[in-house]
Amino acid sequence: MKKKYFGTDGIRGKVGSLPITPEFFVKLGYAAGIVLSRRNKRGQKPSVVIGKDTRISGYMLESALEAGFSSAGVNVFLTGPIPTPAIAYLTRSRKADFGVIISASHNPYDDNGVKFFSSKGLKLSDEIECEIESLIDQKMEIVLSNKLGKAQRAENYVKQYIEFCENTFSRGLTLKGLTIVLDCANGATYHIAPTIFSALGANIIVVNDKPNGLNINKKAGSIHPKNLQSAVVSHNADMGIAFDGDGDRVIMVDQNGTLVDGDQLLYLIAQFYIKEGYKFGGVVGTHMTNLAFEERCKMQSIPFVRTNVGDRYVSAELDR
């Protein structure tokens, strides 16, 4: 079955035009909820964790999704603004059946979209996406009142994710003595990244951390790194880190204001793994990965595999 709405990275478009409308999101939530209920083997009401970035349309679309899921008998936990990777983590750790992030990533504020995660925190299979699509245009048959799902705010989920991130930092290490500039793109990391880096001991300088619903990614974040480069140099900082609007993309800057892109970061991480003697199966890139990076990996006998562009393909290859 050819998919009508789901692309390689969820559903995305211009707010107010199909499929990014409240009406569609109610139907989408309902359809996904019915699929959840069919596949639920635990004998209890299914649940979904819903997060969003800072776009003004996120509130409208969140309410619509919530209504759709609830009408299908699914309990809903609303995190508020939170990075996309957090939803993948929380869906798994909280044993939810689905995770959903409302975001259009690095796109401007008048775009929005939605991504779904499985109970394992992975992107949905094509099979499940097709099953959801097959129900979207069908008539909604709301469950009985005593079977409706409940929705609740789950602010403690953000705290849990912050603690998880802090605990990934090796014990005994500290960022104390380092000055780091953070560019939060006026997006989902605005309240999380500063908390984490401060807790790890860094002296932080934060820019673009005042979202107003309209300024996400606006001349800010990982796709507009010039401001970060200037800030690192002017503050005599040790490094800079820029995120995109939903916090699933990062670019870094060294103390001289020079960009360190994703390929370079991958290579540095690979070198660190080898140096420290970690079990290391190689590197997964995409067809967009720099050819020089692949050649350097071969020179050092580092296994390298390319996939199609899209985190679902990279994730699947990592799991092999």
C-alpha atoms as a PDB file:
ATOM      1  CA  MET A   1       0.000   0.000   0.000  1.00  0.00           C
ATOM      2  CA  LYS A   2       1.393   3.377  -1.010  1.00  0.00           C
ATOM      3  CA  LYS A   3       1.316   5.850   1.864  1.00  0.00           C
ATOM      4  CA  LYS A   4      -0.693   9.030   1.400  1.00  0.00           C
ATOM      5  CA  TYR A   5       0.332  11.063   4.433  1.00  0.00           C
ATOM      6  CA  PHE A   6       3.414   9.552   6.073  1.00  0.00           C
ATOM      7  CA  GLY A   7       6.735  10.477   4.520  1.00  0.00           C
ATOM      8  CA  THR A   8      10.248   9.348   5.383  1.00  0.00           C
ATOM      9  CA  ASP A   9      10.114  11.318   8.639  1.00  0.00           C
ATOM     10  CA  GLY A  10       6.486  11.370   9.734  1.00  0.00           C
ATOM     11  CA  ILE A  11       3.881  13.836   8.501  1.00  0.00           C
ATOM     12  CA  ARG A  12       4.814  17.438   7.782  1.00  0.00           C
ATOM     13  CA  GLY A  13       3.389  20.490   6.036  1.00  0.00           C
ATOM     14  CA  LYS A  14       2.150  24.059   6.239  1.00  0.00           C
ATOM     15  CA  VAL A  15      -0.121  24.835   9.182  1.00  0.00           C
ATOM     16  CA  GLY A  16      -3.715  25.314   8.044  1.00  0.00           C
ATOM     17  CA  SER A  17      -3.311  23.181   4.930  1.00  0.00           C
ATOM     18  CA  LEU A  18      -3.971  19.455   4.864  1.00  0.00           C
ATOM     19  CA  PRO A  19      -2.712  17.454   6.580  1.00  0.00           C
ATOM     20  CA  ILE A  20      -1.626  19.978   9.242  1.00  0.00           C
ATOM     21  CA  THR A  21      -5.097  20.973  10.471  1.00  0.00           C
ATOM     22  CA  PRO A  22      -6.950  20.348  13.751  1.00  0.00           C
ATOM     23  CA  GLU A  23      -9.561  18.248  11.963  1.00  0.00           C
ATOM     24  CA  PHE A  24      -6.942  15.959  10.473  1.00  0.00           C
ATOM     25  CA  PHE A  25      -5.059  15.621  13.758  1.00  0.00           C
ATOM     26  CA  VAL A  26      -8.217  14.528  15.581  1.00  0.00           C
ATOM     27  CA  LYS A  27      -8.708  11.815  12.950  1.00  0.00           C
ATOM     28  CA  LEU A  28      -5.014  10.917  13.072  1.00  0.00           C
ATOM     29  CA  GLY A  29      -5.083  10.540  16.854  1.00  0.00           C
ATOM     30  CA  TYR A  30      -8.227   8.439  16.663  1.00  0.00           C
ATOM     31  CA  ALA A  31      -6.828   6.192  13.914  1.00  0.00           C
ATOM     32  CA  ALA A  32      -3.541   5.702  15.764  1.00  0.00           C
ATOM     33  CA  GLY A  33      -5.485   4.994  18.950  1.00  0.00           C
ATOM     34  CA  ILE A  34      -7.555   2.292  17.282  1.00  0.00           C
ATOM     35  CA  VAL A  35      -4.398   0.665  15.921  1.00  0.00           C
ATOM     36  CA  LEU A  36      -2.901   0.806  19.419  1.00  0.00           C
ATOM     37  CA  SER A  37      -5.955  -0.844  20.929  1.00  0.00           C
ATOM     38  CA  ARG A  38      -5.906  -3.622  18.341  1.00  0.00           C
ATOM     39  CA  ARG A  39      -2.248  -4.359  19.006  1.00  0.00           C
ATOM     40  CA  ASN A  40      -2.406  -3.964  22.776  1.00  0.00           C
ATOM     41  CA  LYS A  41      -1.627  -7.331  24.396  1.00  0.00           C
ATOM     42  CA  ARG A  42      -1.303  -6.139  27.997  1.00  0.00           C
ATOM     43  CA  GLY A  43      -4.968  -6.233  28.910  1.00  0.00           C
ATOM     44  CA  GLN A  44      -5.008  -2.622  30.067  1.00  0.00           C
ATOM     45  CA  LYS A  45      -5.836   0.700  28.509  1.00  0.00           C
ATOM     46  CA  PRO A  46      -3.097   1.744  26.048  1.00  0.00           C
ATOM     47  CA  SER A  47      -1.172   4.968  26.601  1.00  0.00           C
ATOM     48  CA  VAL A  48       0.679   7.542  24.526  1.00  0.00           C
ATOM     49  CA  VAL A  49       3.267  10.195  25.430  1.00  0.00           C
ATOM     50  CA  ILE A  50       2.874  13.420  23.432  1.00  0.00           C
ATOM     51  CA  GLY A  51       5.508  16.146  23.270  1.00  0.00           C
ATOM     52  CA  LYS A  52       6.001  19.200  21.075  1.00  0.00           C
ATOM     53  CA  ASP A  53       8.466  21.921  20.190  1.00  0.00           C
ATOM     54  CA  THR A  54       7.752  25.623  20.738  1.00  0.00           C
ATOM     55  CA  ARG A  55       5.723  26.505  17.625  1.00  0.00           C
ATOM     56  CA  ILE A  56       2.546  28.399  18.379  1.00  0.00           C
ATOM     57  CA  SER A  57       0.544  25.858  16.371  1.00  0.00           C
ATOM     58  CA  GLY A  58       1.755  23.071  18.648  1.00  0.00           C
ATOM     59  CA  TYR A  59      -0.866  23.886  21.279  1.00  0.00           C
ATOM     60  CA  MET A  60      -3.700  23.620  18.772  1.00  0.00           C
ATOM     61  CA  LEU A  61      -2.411  20.381  17.262  1.00  0.00           C
ATOM     62  CA  GLU A  62      -1.646  18.886  20.667  1.00  0.00           C
ATOM     63  CA  SER A  63      -5.258  19.435  21.757  1.00  0.00           C
ATOM     64  CA  ALA A  64      -6.533  17.846  18.550  1.00  0.00           C
ATOM     65  CA  LEU A  65      -4.319  14.770  18.901  1.00  0.00           C
ATOM     66  CA  GLU A  66      -5.283  14.459  22.553  1.00  0.00           C
ATOM     67  CA  ALA A  67      -8.979  14.476  21.623  1.00  0.00           C
ATOM     68  CA  GLY A  68      -8.448  11.852  18.943  1.00  0.00           C
ATOM     69  CA  PHE A  69      -6.512   9.477  21.166  1.00  0.00           C
ATOM     70  CA  SER A  70      -8.922   9.915  24.085  1.00  0.00           C
ATOM     71  CA  SER A  71     -11.917   9.200  21.853  1.00  0.00           C
ATOM     72  CA  ALA A  72     -10.298   5.875  20.921  1.00  0.00           C
ATOM     73  CA  GLY A  73      -9.810   4.923  24.572  1.00  0.00           C
ATOM     74  CA  VAL A  74      -6.115   5.796  24.925  1.00  0.00           C
ATOM     75  CA  ASN A  75      -4.635   7.509  27.983  1.00  0.00           C
ATOM     76  CA  VAL A  76      -2.566  10.572  27.072  1.00  0.00           C
ATOM     77  CA  PHE A  77       0.476  12.017  28.869  1.00  0.00           C
ATOM     78  CA  LEU A  78       1.418  15.545  27.758  1.00  0.00           C
ATOM     79  CA  THR A  79       5.009  16.627  28.365  1.00  0.00           C
ATOM     80  CA  GLY A  80       4.890  20.142  26.942  1.00  0.00           C
ATOM     81  CA  PRO A  81       7.922  21.454  25.002  1.00  0.00           C
ATOM     82  CA  ILE A  82      10.566  18.744  24.882  1.00  0.00           C
ATOM     83  CA  PRO A  83      13.223  17.511  22.395  1.00  0.00           C
ATOM     84  CA  THR A  84      12.350  14.734  19.970  1.00  0.00           C
ATOM     85  CA  PRO A  85      14.936  12.292  21.422  1.00  0.00           C
ATOM     86  CA  ALA A  86      13.276  12.720  24.823  1.00  0.00           C
ATOM     87  CA  ILE A  87      10.010  11.319  23.496  1.00  0.00           C
ATOM     88  CA  ALA A  88      11.814   8.264  22.108  1.00  0.00           C
ATOM     89  CA  TYR A  89      13.436   7.713  25.521  1.00  0.00           C
ATOM     90  CA  LEU A  90      10.326   8.399  27.615  1.00  0.00           C
ATOM     91  CA  THR A  91       8.060   6.198  25.509  1.00  0.00           C
ATOM     92  CA  ARG A  92      10.338   3.268  26.244  1.00  0.00           C
ATOM     93  CA  SER A  93      11.154   4.063  29.878  1.00  0.00           C
ATOM     94  CA  ARG A  94       7.535   4.814  30.810  1.00  0.00           C
ATOM     95  CA  LYS A  95       6.323   1.691  29.017  1.00  0.00           C
ATOM     96  CA  ALA A  96       3.922   3.651  26.825  1.00  0.00           C
ATOM     97  CA  ASP A  97       2.491   2.070  23.692  1.00  0.00           C
ATOM     98  CA  PHE A  98       3.219   5.030  21.413  1.00  0.00           C
ATOM     99  CA  GLY A  99       5.204   8.243  21.549  1.00  0.00           C
ATOM    100  CA  VAL A 100       4.381  11.326  19.496  1.00  0.00           C
ATOM    101  CA  ILE A 101       6.318  14.532  18.876  1.00  0.00           C
ATOM    102  CA  ILE A 102       4.621  17.514  17.243  1.00  0.00           C
ATOM    103  CA  SER A 103       7.345  19.330  15.334  1.00  0.00           C
ATOM    104  CA  ALA A 104       8.686  20.315  11.940  1.00  0.00           C
ATOM    105  CA  SER A 105      12.296  20.096  13.100  1.00  0.00           C
ATOM    106  CA  HIS A 106      14.477  22.831  11.536  1.00  0.00           C
ATOM    107  CA  ASN A 107      11.658  24.321   9.410  1.00  0.00           C
ATOM    108  CA  PRO A 108      10.150  27.785  10.089  1.00  0.00           C
ATOM    109  CA  TYR A 109       7.363  28.324  12.618  1.00  0.00           C
ATOM    110  CA  ASP A 110       4.500  28.209  10.113  1.00  0.00           C
ATOM    111  CA  ASP A 111       5.302  24.580   9.291  1.00  0.00           C
ATOM    112  CA  ASN A 112       4.513  21.742  11.640  1.00  0.00           C
ATOM    113  CA  GLY A 113       4.282  17.996  11.650  1.00  0.00           C
ATOM    114  CA  VAL A 114       4.174  14.841  13.709  1.00  0.00           C
ATOM    115  CA  LYS A 115       6.403  11.814  14.281  1.00  0.00           C
ATOM    116  CA  PHE A 116       5.387   8.569  15.948  1.00  0.00           C
ATOM    117  CA  PHE A 117       7.514   6.216  18.019  1.00  0.00           C
ATOM    118  CA  SER A 118       6.869   2.594  18.907  1.00  0.00           C
ATOM    119  CA  SER A 119       6.849   1.267  22.467  1.00  0.00           C
ATOM    120  CA  LYS A 120      10.586   0.602  22.012  1.00  0.00           C
ATOM    121  CA  GLY A 121      11.264   4.240  21.152  1.00  0.00           C
ATOM    122  CA  LEU A 122      11.826   3.478  17.464  1.00  0.00           C
ATOM    123  CA  LYS A 123      10.151   4.859  14.354  1.00  0.00           C
ATOM    124  CA  LEU A 124       7.010   2.998  13.312  1.00  0.00           C
ATOM    125  CA  SER A 125       7.203   0.330  10.654  1.00  0.00           C
ATOM    126  CA  ASP A 126       5.699   0.949   7.232  1.00  0.00           C
ATOM    127  CA  GLU A 127       3.095  -1.681   8.096  1.00  0.00           C
ATOM    128  CA  ILE A 128       1.794   0.229  11.121  1.00  0.00           C
ATOM    129  CA  GLU A 129       1.850   3.575   9.299  1.00  0.00           C
ATOM    130  CA  CYS A 130      -0.228   2.053   6.501  1.00  0.00           C
ATOM    131  CA  GLU A 131      -2.645   0.598   9.046  1.00  0.00           C
ATOM    132  CA  ILE A 132      -3.100   4.040  10.612  1.00  0.00           C
ATOM    133  CA  GLU A 133      -3.629   5.663   7.221  1.00  0.00           C
ATOM    134  CA  SER A 134      -6.301   3.121   6.306  1.00  0.00           C
ATOM    135  CA  LEU A 135      -8.438   4.352   9.212  1.00  0.00           C
ATOM    136  CA  ILE A 136      -7.962   8.122   8.926  1.00  0.00           C
ATOM    137  CA  ASP A 137     -10.724   8.720   6.397  1.00  0.00           C
ATOM    138  CA  GLN A 138     -13.167   6.293   7.990  1.00  0.00           C
ATOM    139  CA  LYS A 139     -15.994   7.406  10.263  1.00  0.00           C
ATOM    140  CA  MET A 140     -14.955   7.835  13.892  1.00  0.00           C
ATOM    141  CA  GLU A 141     -16.796   5.541  16.285  1.00  0.00           C
ATOM    142  CA  ILE A 142     -16.023   6.965  19.712  1.00  0.00           C
ATOM    143  CA  VAL A 143     -15.717   4.452  22.542  1.00  0.00           C
ATOM    144  CA  LEU A 144     -18.275   4.386  25.370  1.00  0.00           C
ATOM    145  CA  SER A 145     -17.889   7.119  27.984  1.00  0.00           C
ATOM    146  CA  ASN A 146     -16.522   4.735  30.598  1.00  0.00           C
ATOM    147  CA  LYS A 147     -13.863   3.608  28.096  1.00  0.00           C
ATOM    148  CA  LEU A 148     -12.594   7.068  27.114  1.00  0.00           C
ATOM    149  CA  GLY A 149      -8.933   7.810  27.643  1.00  0.00           C
ATOM    150  CA  LYS A 150      -7.749  10.310  30.253  1.00  0.00           C
ATOM    151  CA  ALA A 151      -5.289  13.100  29.500  1.00  0.00           C
ATOM    152  CA  GLN A 152      -2.893  14.626  31.999  1.00  0.00           C
ATOM    153  CA  ARG A 153       0.081  16.947  32.103  1.00  0.00           C
ATOM    154  CA  ALA A 154       3.307  15.104  32.878  1.00  0.00           C
ATOM    155  CA  GLU A 155       5.831  17.796  33.815  1.00  0.00           C
ATOM    156  CA  ASN A 156       7.882  15.256  35.791  1.00  0.00           C
ATOM    157  CA  TYR A 157       8.751  13.552  32.500  1.00  0.00           C
ATOM    158  CA  VAL A 158      10.976  16.499  31.583  1.00  0.00           C
ATOM    159  CA  LYS A 159      12.803  16.180  34.895  1.00  0.00           C
ATOM    160  CA  GLN A 160      13.310  12.463  34.257  1.00  0.00           C
ATOM    161  CA  TYR A 161      14.835  13.154  30.844  1.00  0.00           C
ATOM    162  CA  ILE A 162      17.184  15.777  32.276  1.00  0.00           C
ATOM    163  CA  GLU A 163      18.384  13.297  34.906  1.00  0.00           C
ATOM    164  CA  PHE A 164      18.862  10.643  32.222  1.00  0.00           C
ATOM    165  CA  CYS A 165      21.032  12.981  30.128  1.00  0.00           C
ATOM    166  CA  GLU A 166      23.131  13.963  33.135  1.00  0.00           C
ATOM    167  CA  ASN A 167      23.682  10.309  34.028  1.00  0.00           C
ATOM    168  CA  THR A 168      25.067   9.523  30.563  1.00  0.00           C
ATOM    169  CA  PHE A 169      28.080  11.661  31.483  1.00  0.00           C
ATOM    170  CA  SER A 170      30.836   9.447  32.863  1.00  0.00           C
ATOM    171  CA  ARG A 171      31.254   9.578  36.626  1.00  0.00           C
ATOM    172  CA  GLY A 172      34.311  11.492  37.684  1.00  0.00           C
ATOM    173  CA  LEU A 173      34.237  13.742  34.628  1.00  0.00           C
ATOM    174  CA  THR A 174      33.168  17.361  34.827  1.00  0.00           C
ATOM    175  CA  LEU A 175      32.766  20.355  32.547  1.00  0.00           C
ATOM    176  CA  LYS A 176      33.999  22.640  35.302  1.00  0.00           C
ATOM    177  CA  GLY A 177      36.345  25.287  33.945  1.00  0.00           C
ATOM    178  CA  LEU A 178      34.831  25.225  30.451  1.00  0.00           C
ATOM    179  CA  THR A 179      32.856  28.110  29.019  1.00  0.00           C
ATOM    180  CA  ILE A 180      30.256  26.846  26.558  1.00  0.00           C
ATOM    181  CA  VAL A 181      27.880  28.854  24.383  1.00  0.00           C
ATOM    182  CA  LEU A 182      24.511  27.168  23.792  1.00  0.00           C
ATOM    183  CA  ASP A 183      22.214  28.181  20.930  1.00  0.00           C
ATOM    184  CA  CYS A 184      18.788  26.681  21.626  1.00  0.00           C
ATOM    185  CA  ALA A 185      17.142  27.940  18.394  1.00  0.00           C
ATOM    186  CA  ASN A 186      14.230  29.256  20.496  1.00  0.00           C
ATOM    187  CA  GLY A 187      13.085  25.665  20.378  1.00  0.00           C
ATOM    188  CA  ALA A 188      12.512  22.600  22.499  1.00  0.00           C
ATOM    189  CA  THR A 189      15.926  22.616  24.224  1.00  0.00           C
ATOM    190  CA  TYR A 190      15.566  26.159  25.597  1.00  0.00           C
ATOM    191  CA  HIS A 191      14.893  25.016  29.184  1.00  0.00           C
ATOM    192  CA  ILE A 192      16.622  21.639  29.101  1.00  0.00           C
ATOM    193  CA  ALA A 193      20.096  22.119  27.598  1.00  0.00           C
ATOM    194  CA  PRO A 194      21.086  24.980  29.965  1.00  0.00           C
ATOM    195  CA  THR A 195      19.963  22.931  32.972  1.00  0.00           C
ATOM    196  CA  ILE A 196      21.999  19.896  31.911  1.00  0.00           C
ATOM    197  CA  PHE A 197      25.219  21.714  31.034  1.00  0.00           C
ATOM    198  CA  SER A 198      25.053  23.813  34.203  1.00  0.00           C
ATOM    199  CA  ALA A 199      24.579  20.688  36.311  1.00  0.00           C
ATOM    200  CA  LEU A 200      27.665  19.178  34.679  1.00  0.00           C
ATOM    201  CA  GLY A 201      29.724  22.156  35.833  1.00  0.00           C
ATOM    202  CA  ALA A 202      30.074  24.286  32.715  1.00  0.00           C
ATOM    203  CA  ASN A 203      29.959  28.054  32.698  1.00  0.00           C
ATOM    204  CA  ILE A 204      27.236  28.566  30.106  1.00  0.00           C
ATOM    205  CA  ILE A 205      26.268  31.460  27.887  1.00  0.00           C
ATOM    206  CA  VAL A 206      22.861  30.880  26.320  1.00  0.00           C
ATOM    207  CA  VAL A 207      21.467  32.518  23.197  1.00  0.00           C
ATOM    208  CA  ASN A 208      18.117  32.061  21.475  1.00  0.00           C
ATOM    209  CA  ASP A 209      16.433  30.612  24.562  1.00  0.00           C
ATOM    210  CA  LYS A 210      13.321  32.810  24.599  1.00  0.00           C
ATOM    211  CA  PRO A 211      10.704  31.149  22.394  1.00  0.00           C
ATOM    212  CA  ASN A 212       7.545  33.098  21.624  1.00  0.00           C
ATOM    213  CA  GLY A 213       5.924  30.603  19.267  1.00  0.00           C
ATOM    214  CA  LEU A 214       7.034  32.504  16.175  1.00  0.00           C
ATOM    215  CA  ASN A 215      10.823  32.680  16.449  1.00  0.00           C
ATOM    216  CA  ILE A 216      11.788  28.991  16.412  1.00  0.00           C
ATOM    217  CA  ASN A 217      14.802  28.486  14.076  1.00  0.00           C
ATOM    218  CA  LYS A 218      14.621  32.161  13.033  1.00  0.00           C
ATOM    219  CA  LYS A 219      18.234  33.086  12.230  1.00  0.00           C
ATOM    220  CA  ALA A 220      19.141  30.738  15.060  1.00  0.00           C
ATOM    221  CA  GLY A 221      20.251  27.240  15.871  1.00  0.00           C
ATOM    222  CA  SER A 222      22.106  24.597  13.897  1.00  0.00           C
ATOM    223  CA  ILE A 223      21.052  25.825  10.446  1.00  0.00           C
ATOM    224  CA  HIS A 224      22.177  29.412  11.177  1.00  0.00           C
ATOM    225  CA  PRO A 225      25.505  28.918  12.990  1.00  0.00           C
ATOM    226  CA  LYS A 226      27.041  32.350  12.326  1.00  0.00           C
ATOM    227  CA  ASN A 227      25.577  33.810  15.519  1.00  0.00           C
ATOM    228  CA  LEU A 228      27.045  30.943  17.518  1.00  0.00           C
ATOM    229  CA  GLN A 229      30.447  31.393  15.896  1.00  0.00           C
ATOM    230  CA  SER A 230      30.438  35.097  16.747  1.00  0.00           C
ATOM    231  CA  ALA A 231      29.296  34.457  20.318  1.00  0.00           C
ATOM    232  CA  VAL A 232      32.045  31.899  20.954  1.00  0.00           C
ATOM    233  CA  VAL A 233      34.732  34.300  19.765  1.00  0.00           C
ATOM    234  CA  SER A 234      33.332  37.397  21.508  1.00  0.00           C
ATOM    235  CA  HIS A 235      32.945  35.592  24.841  1.00  0.00           C
ATOM    236  CA  ASN A 236      36.316  33.856  24.503  1.00  0.00           C
ATOM    237  CA  ALA A 237      34.479  30.573  25.055  1.00  0.00           C
ATOM    238  CA  ASP A 238      35.945  27.103  24.760  1.00  0.00           C
ATOM    239  CA  MET A 239      33.249  25.809  22.442  1.00  0.00           C
ATOM    240  CA  GLY A 240      29.714  26.335  21.173  1.00  0.00           C
ATOM    241  CA  ILE A 241      26.786  23.979  20.633  1.00  0.00           C
ATOM    242  CA  ALA A 242      23.762  24.740  18.450  1.00  0.00           C
ATOM    243  CA  PHE A 243      20.569  22.687  18.349  1.00  0.00           C
ATOM    244  CA  ASP A 244      17.696  22.828  15.898  1.00  0.00           C
ATOM    245  CA  GLY A 245      14.088  23.525  16.835  1.00  0.00           C
ATOM    246  CA  ASP A 246      13.227  20.054  18.103  1.00  0.00           C
ATOM    247  CA  GLY A 247      16.646  19.213  19.511  1.00  0.00           C
ATOM    248  CA  ASP A 248      17.481  16.196  17.354  1.00  0.00           C
ATOM    249  CA  ARG A 249      20.221  17.920  15.382  1.00  0.00           C
ATOM    250  CA  VAL A 250      23.444  19.501  16.619  1.00  0.00           C
ATOM    251  CA  ILE A 251      26.417  21.368  15.243  1.00  0.00           C
ATOM    252  CA  MET A 252      29.442  22.520  17.217  1.00  0.00           C
ATOM    253  CA  VAL A 253      32.009  25.308  17.085  1.00  0.00           C
ATOM    254  CA  ASP A 254      35.554  25.213  18.443  1.00  0.00           C
ATOM    255  CA  GLN A 255      37.263  27.957  20.441  1.00  0.00           C
ATOM    256  CA  ASN A 256      38.270  29.756  17.239  1.00  0.00           C
ATOM    257  CA  GLY A 257      34.705  29.910  15.931  1.00  0.00           C
ATOM    258  CA  THR A 258      35.336  27.162  13.378  1.00  0.00           C
ATOM    259  CA  LEU A 259      32.406  24.876  12.585  1.00  0.00           C
ATOM    260  CA  VAL A 260      32.633  21.202  13.517  1.00  0.00           C
ATOM    261  CA  ASP A 261      29.964  19.392  11.505  1.00  0.00           C
ATOM    262  CA  GLY A 262      28.268  16.045  12.020  1.00  0.00           C
ATOM    263  CA  ASP A 263      30.782  14.036  10.013  1.00  0.00           C
ATOM    264  CA  GLN A 264      33.658  15.485  12.004  1.00  0.00           C
ATOM    265  CA  LEU A 265      31.841  14.776  15.264  1.00  0.00           C
ATOM    266  CA  LEU A 266      31.264  11.167  14.222  1.00  0.00           C
ATOM    267  CA  TYR A 267      34.951  10.780  13.470  1.00  0.00           C
ATOM    268  CA  LEU A 268      35.957  12.263  16.833  1.00  0.00           C
ATOM    269  CA  ILE A 269      33.582   9.897  18.631  1.00  0.00           C
ATOM    270  CA  ALA A 270      34.937   6.918  16.693  1.00  0.00           C
ATOM    271  CA  GLN A 271      38.498   7.914  17.595  1.00  0.00           C
ATOM    272  CA  PHE A 272      37.542   8.229  21.253  1.00  0.00           C
ATOM    273  CA  TYR A 273      35.932   4.778  21.275  1.00  0.00           C
ATOM    274  CA  ILE A 274      39.044   3.218  19.782  1.00  0.00           C
ATOM    275  CA  LYS A 275      41.390   5.056  22.133  1.00  0.00           C
ATOM    276  CA  GLU A 276      39.412   4.061  25.225  1.00  0.00           C
ATOM    277  CA  GLY A 277      39.087   0.455  24.108  1.00  0.00           C
ATOM    278  CA  TYR A 278      35.294   0.375  23.925  1.00  0.00           C
ATOM    279  CA  LYS A 279      33.555  -2.401  22.035  1.00  0.00           C
ATOM    280  CA  PHE A 280      33.105  -0.750  18.673  1.00  0.00           C
ATOM    281  CA  GLY A 281      31.273  -2.186  15.675  1.00  0.00           C
ATOM    282  CA  GLY A 282      31.851   0.714  13.311  1.00  0.00           C
ATOM    283  CA  VAL A 283      30.067   3.810  12.048  1.00  0.00           C
ATOM    284  CA  VAL A 284      26.749   4.216  10.238  1.00  0.00           C
ATOM    285  CA  GLY A 285      26.392   7.167   7.871  1.00  0.00           C
ATOM    286  CA  THR A 286      23.960   8.078   5.124  1.00  0.00           C
ATOM    287  CA  HIS A 287      24.341   8.779   1.424  1.00  0.00           C
ATOM    288  CA  MET A 288      24.921  12.406   2.473  1.00  0.00           C
ATOM    289  CA  THR A 289      27.963  11.552   4.601  1.00  0.00           C
ATOM    290  CA  ASN A 290      31.231  13.091   3.419  1.00  0.00           C
ATOM    291  CA  LEU A 291      33.282  10.787   1.165  1.00  0.00           C
ATOM    292  CA  ALA A 292      36.486  11.901   2.874  1.00  0.00           C
ATOM    293  CA  PHE A 293      35.035  10.674   6.169  1.00  0.00           C
ATOM    294  CA  GLU A 294      34.460   7.229   4.679  1.00  0.00           C
ATOM    295  CA  GLU A 295      38.004   7.147   3.279  1.00  0.00           C
ATOM    296  CA  ARG A 296      39.471   8.135   6.649  1.00  0.00           C
ATOM    297  CA  CYS A 297      37.508   5.328   8.317  1.00  0.00           C
ATOM    298  CA  LYS A 298      38.889   2.815   5.807  1.00  0.00           C
ATOM    299  CA  MET A 299      42.435   4.053   6.431  1.00  0.00           C
ATOM    300  CA  GLN A 300      42.027   3.246  10.116  1.00  0.00           C
ATOM    301  CA  SER A 301      40.122  -0.018   9.550  1.00  0.00           C
ATOM    302  CA  ILE A 302      36.933   1.435  11.035  1.00  0.00           C
ATOM    303  CA  PRO A 303      33.892  -0.376   9.558  1.00  0.00           C
ATOM    304  CA  PHE A 304      31.604   2.068   7.749  1.00  0.00           C
ATOM    305  CA  VAL A 305      28.108   1.497   6.333  1.00  0.00           C
ATOM    306  CA  ARG A 306      25.853   3.895   4.405  1.00  0.00           C
ATOM    307  CA  THR A 307      22.054   3.948   4.567  1.00  0.00           C
ATOM    308  CA  ASN A 308      19.296   5.976   2.972  1.00  0.00           C
ATOM    309  CA  VAL A 309      18.791   9.443   4.438  1.00  0.00           C
ATOM    310  CA  GLY A 310      16.546   9.342   7.497  1.00  0.00           C
ATOM    311  CA  ASP A 311      17.062   8.422  11.127  1.00  0.00           C
ATOM    312  CA  ARG A 312      14.819   5.348  10.839  1.00  0.00           C
ATOM    313  CA  TYR A 313      17.311   3.809   8.393  1.00  0.00           C
ATOM    314  CA  VAL A 314      20.338   4.722  10.495  1.00  0.00           C
ATOM    315  CA  SER A 315      18.657   3.344  13.615  1.00  0.00           C
ATOM    316  CA  ALA A 316      17.745   0.089  11.867  1.00  0.00           C
ATOM    317  CA  GLU A 317      21.339  -0.390  10.697  1.00  0.00           C
ATOM    318  CA  LEU A 318      22.687   0.282  14.195  1.00  0.00           C
ATOM    319  CA  ASP A 319      20.407  -2.450  15.534  1.00  0.00           C
ATOM    320  CA  ARG A 320      21.743  -5.080  13.121  1.00  0.00           C
END
